[in-house]
Amino acid sequence: MYISVRERSCQYADVMTERSEEMSVADARRQFADVLNAASARGQITYITSRGRRVAAVVPLPIAEAADQTDAGEAG
């Protein structure tokens, strides 16, 4: 079963309480504890950038788990 990006964003909307943020790898390394706290306590997504391009994201656990369940459902 395919779930569109729009449908996924609706599923995750109740988890997110703050706007997303972008920061460089160097900044994320320096502020790692704060980035983790923002994800777990406030539901913030932080996109990690390298040379201005998004390369990773720190997301709240419920979003990651929901994505895993969705991916497992699509594989089966």
Protein backbone atom coordinates (compact mmCIF):
# COMPACT_ATOMS: atom_id res chain seq x y z
CA MET A 1 0.00 0.00 0.00
CA TYR A 2 1.39 3.39 -1.00
CA ILE A 3 0.95 6.35 1.33
CA SER A 4 1.60 9.75 -0.20
CA VAL A 5 3.78 12.37 1.41
CA ARG A 6 0.67 14.44 2.12
CA GLU A 7 -0.99 11.52 3.94
CA ARG A 8 2.17 10.85 5.93
CA SER A 9 2.45 14.48 6.94
CA CYS A 10 -1.14 14.36 8.19
CA GLN A 11 -0.34 11.25 10.24
CA TYR A 12 2.62 13.00 11.85
CA ALA A 13 1.01 16.39 12.39
CA ASP A 14 -0.24 15.45 15.86
CA VAL A 15 3.32 14.55 16.96
CA MET A 16 5.00 17.75 15.83
CA THR A 17 4.58 20.73 18.08
CA GLU A 18 7.35 22.99 16.77
CA ARG A 19 8.52 24.14 13.38
CA SER A 20 11.39 22.25 11.82
CA GLU A 21 14.90 23.64 11.87
CA GLU A 22 18.00 23.28 9.70
CA MET A 23 21.55 23.27 10.97
CA SER A 24 24.96 22.32 9.68
CA VAL A 25 26.70 19.10 10.66
CA ALA A 26 29.17 21.13 12.73
CA ASP A 27 26.40 22.96 14.60
CA ALA A 28 24.46 19.74 15.15
CA ARG A 29 27.59 18.12 16.58
CA ARG A 30 28.09 21.01 19.01
CA GLN A 31 24.41 21.12 20.01
CA PHE A 32 23.61 17.40 19.85
CA ALA A 33 22.02 17.21 23.32
CA ASP A 34 19.79 20.18 22.51
CA VAL A 35 18.81 18.69 19.14
CA LEU A 36 17.82 15.40 20.81
CA ASN A 37 15.87 17.24 23.50
CA ALA A 38 14.03 19.31 20.89
CA ALA A 39 12.97 16.12 19.10
CA SER A 40 11.95 14.15 22.17
CA ALA A 41 10.40 16.87 24.33
CA ARG A 42 8.99 19.31 21.79
CA GLY A 43 8.47 17.17 18.70
CA GLN A 44 10.82 19.24 16.55
CA ILE A 45 12.40 17.89 13.37
CA THR A 46 15.96 19.07 12.77
CA TYR A 47 17.39 18.72 9.28
CA ILE A 48 21.16 18.34 9.20
CA THR A 49 22.89 20.00 6.26
CA SER A 50 26.25 19.58 4.63
CA ARG A 51 27.35 22.33 2.28
CA GLY A 52 23.81 23.65 2.26
CA ARG A 53 22.13 20.36 1.29
CA ARG A 54 19.99 18.27 3.62
CA VAL A 55 21.74 14.99 4.38
CA ALA A 56 19.92 13.69 7.47
CA ALA A 57 17.23 14.48 10.00
CA VAL A 58 16.70 14.03 13.72
CA VAL A 59 13.01 13.27 14.20
CA PRO A 60 10.78 12.46 17.16
CA LEU A 61 10.57 8.72 17.86
CA PRO A 62 6.83 8.40 17.03
CA ILE A 63 7.52 9.74 13.52
CA ALA A 64 10.39 7.31 12.96
CA GLU A 65 8.34 4.38 14.27
CA ALA A 66 5.37 5.31 12.08
CA ALA A 67 7.65 5.51 9.05
CA ASP A 68 9.08 2.06 9.86
CA GLN A 69 5.58 0.59 10.14
CA THR A 70 4.54 2.19 6.87
CA ASP A 71 7.66 0.91 5.11
CA ALA A 72 7.15 -2.59 6.54
CA GLY A 73 3.56 -2.58 5.29
CA GLU A 74 4.67 -1.57 1.79
CA ALA A 75 7.34 -4.29 1.67
CA GLY A 76 4.95 -7.08 2.58
